[in-house]
């Protein structure tokens, strides 16, 4: 995560039910969830900035849409 960028868990009050639910859902899981194949995955690049500056289109899409691969892009959006 880049300095200055916050996740939902950073913003939510720790005593809130939303924090508890989000923490339970994301603990021990990867950061990204593909809406096409419904799998959690690690993006190719660890940060959005690196993906945008060095990656190909599928690497960038991981950070923009959450879709994990070209195959899922084709299957999901056709």
C-alpha atoms as a PDB file:
ATOM      1  CA  UNK A   1       0.000   0.000   0.000  1.00  0.00           C
ATOM      2  CA  UNK A   2       1.273   3.462  -0.826  1.00  0.00           C
ATOM      3  CA  UNK A   3       1.914   5.926   1.938  1.00  0.00           C
ATOM      4  CA  UNK A   4      -1.202   8.014   2.380  1.00  0.00           C
ATOM      5  CA  UNK A   5      -3.579   5.438   0.905  1.00  0.00           C
ATOM      6  CA  UNK A   6      -6.004   3.969   3.393  1.00  0.00           C
ATOM      7  CA  UNK A   7      -8.090   0.846   3.279  1.00  0.00           C
ATOM      8  CA  UNK A   8     -11.611   0.557   4.592  1.00  0.00           C
ATOM      9  CA  UNK A   9     -10.237  -1.098   7.719  1.00  0.00           C
ATOM     10  CA  UNK A  10      -8.070   1.983   8.351  1.00  0.00           C
ATOM     11  CA  UNK A  11     -11.096   4.277   8.157  1.00  0.00           C
ATOM     12  CA  UNK A  12     -13.759   2.316  10.052  1.00  0.00           C
ATOM     13  CA  UNK A  13     -13.928   2.667  13.847  1.00  0.00           C
ATOM     14  CA  UNK A  14     -12.437  -0.503  15.341  1.00  0.00           C
ATOM     15  CA  UNK A  15     -15.419  -1.003  17.655  1.00  0.00           C
ATOM     16  CA  UNK A  16     -17.959  -0.849  14.795  1.00  0.00           C
ATOM     17  CA  UNK A  17     -19.779  -3.927  13.516  1.00  0.00           C
ATOM     18  CA  UNK A  18     -18.667  -2.991  10.008  1.00  0.00           C
ATOM     19  CA  UNK A  19     -15.002  -3.201  11.054  1.00  0.00           C
ATOM     20  CA  UNK A  20     -15.564  -6.588  12.677  1.00  0.00           C
ATOM     21  CA  UNK A  21     -17.298  -7.962   9.578  1.00  0.00           C
ATOM     22  CA  UNK A  22     -14.729  -6.532   7.153  1.00  0.00           C
ATOM     23  CA  UNK A  23     -11.834  -7.794   9.258  1.00  0.00           C
ATOM     24  CA  UNK A  24     -13.353 -11.286   9.387  1.00  0.00           C
ATOM     25  CA  UNK A  25     -13.923 -11.317   5.627  1.00  0.00           C
ATOM     26  CA  UNK A  26     -10.455 -10.127   4.698  1.00  0.00           C
ATOM     27  CA  UNK A  27      -8.271 -11.800   7.315  1.00  0.00           C
ATOM     28  CA  UNK A  28      -5.918 -14.326   5.712  1.00  0.00           C
ATOM     29  CA  UNK A  29      -7.281 -13.521   2.277  1.00  0.00           C
ATOM     30  CA  UNK A  30      -5.666 -11.781  -0.614  1.00  0.00           C
ATOM     31  CA  UNK A  31      -6.552  -8.194  -1.345  1.00  0.00           C
ATOM     32  CA  UNK A  32      -8.307  -8.655  -4.671  1.00  0.00           C
ATOM     33  CA  UNK A  33     -11.485 -10.506  -5.581  1.00  0.00           C
ATOM     34  CA  UNK A  34     -12.334 -11.269  -9.210  1.00  0.00           C
ATOM     35  CA  UNK A  35     -16.022 -10.692 -10.023  1.00  0.00           C
ATOM     36  CA  UNK A  36     -15.777 -13.125 -12.950  1.00  0.00           C
ATOM     37  CA  UNK A  37     -14.289 -16.279 -11.379  1.00  0.00           C
ATOM     38  CA  UNK A  38     -15.149 -15.346  -7.764  1.00  0.00           C
ATOM     39  CA  UNK A  39     -11.604 -16.064  -6.552  1.00  0.00           C
ATOM     40  CA  UNK A  40      -9.308 -14.040  -4.318  1.00  0.00           C
ATOM     41  CA  UNK A  41      -5.919 -13.350  -5.914  1.00  0.00           C
ATOM     42  CA  UNK A  42      -2.704 -11.410  -5.532  1.00  0.00           C
ATOM     43  CA  UNK A  43      -2.307  -8.813  -8.275  1.00  0.00           C
ATOM     44  CA  UNK A  44       0.752  -9.096 -10.508  1.00  0.00           C
ATOM     45  CA  UNK A  45       2.102  -5.778  -9.217  1.00  0.00           C
ATOM     46  CA  UNK A  46       1.989  -4.981  -5.483  1.00  0.00           C
ATOM     47  CA  UNK A  47       0.779  -1.407  -6.019  1.00  0.00           C
ATOM     48  CA  UNK A  48      -1.548   0.352  -8.434  1.00  0.00           C
ATOM     49  CA  UNK A  49       1.177   2.879  -9.281  1.00  0.00           C
ATOM     50  CA  UNK A  50       3.584   0.141 -10.407  1.00  0.00           C
ATOM     51  CA  UNK A  51       0.885  -1.595 -12.425  1.00  0.00           C
ATOM     52  CA  UNK A  52      -0.037   1.640 -14.188  1.00  0.00           C
ATOM     53  CA  UNK A  53       3.556   2.555 -15.013  1.00  0.00           C
ATOM     54  CA  UNK A  54       5.032  -0.864 -15.845  1.00  0.00           C
ATOM     55  CA  UNK A  55       2.213  -3.332 -16.472  1.00  0.00           C
ATOM     56  CA  UNK A  56       0.302  -4.432 -19.525  1.00  0.00           C
ATOM     57  CA  UNK A  57      -3.439  -3.856 -19.776  1.00  0.00           C
ATOM     58  CA  UNK A  58      -4.425  -6.960 -17.764  1.00  0.00           C
ATOM     59  CA  UNK A  59      -2.114  -5.902 -14.914  1.00  0.00           C
ATOM     60  CA  UNK A  60      -3.763  -2.490 -14.860  1.00  0.00           C
ATOM     61  CA  UNK A  61      -7.272  -3.978 -14.950  1.00  0.00           C
ATOM     62  CA  UNK A  62      -6.529  -5.936 -11.795  1.00  0.00           C
ATOM     63  CA  UNK A  63      -6.368  -2.580 -10.017  1.00  0.00           C
ATOM     64  CA  UNK A  64      -9.198  -0.876 -11.934  1.00  0.00           C
ATOM     65  CA  UNK A  65     -11.970  -3.455 -12.292  1.00  0.00           C
ATOM     66  CA  UNK A  66     -10.729  -6.302 -10.110  1.00  0.00           C
ATOM     67  CA  UNK A  67     -10.859  -8.749 -13.009  1.00  0.00           C
ATOM     68  CA  UNK A  68      -7.901 -11.081 -12.575  1.00  0.00           C
ATOM     69  CA  UNK A  69      -6.960 -12.170 -16.100  1.00  0.00           C
ATOM     70  CA  UNK A  70      -7.583 -11.846 -19.810  1.00  0.00           C
ATOM     71  CA  UNK A  71      -9.590 -15.086 -19.687  1.00  0.00           C
ATOM     72  CA  UNK A  72     -11.900 -13.717 -17.001  1.00  0.00           C
ATOM     73  CA  UNK A  73     -12.208 -10.441 -18.908  1.00  0.00           C
ATOM     74  CA  UNK A  74     -13.328 -12.331 -22.020  1.00  0.00           C
ATOM     75  CA  UNK A  75     -15.663 -14.635 -20.072  1.00  0.00           C
ATOM     76  CA  UNK A  76     -17.177 -11.865 -17.943  1.00  0.00           C
ATOM     77  CA  UNK A  77     -17.412  -8.991 -20.411  1.00  0.00           C
ATOM     78  CA  UNK A  78     -17.157 -10.931 -23.659  1.00  0.00           C
END
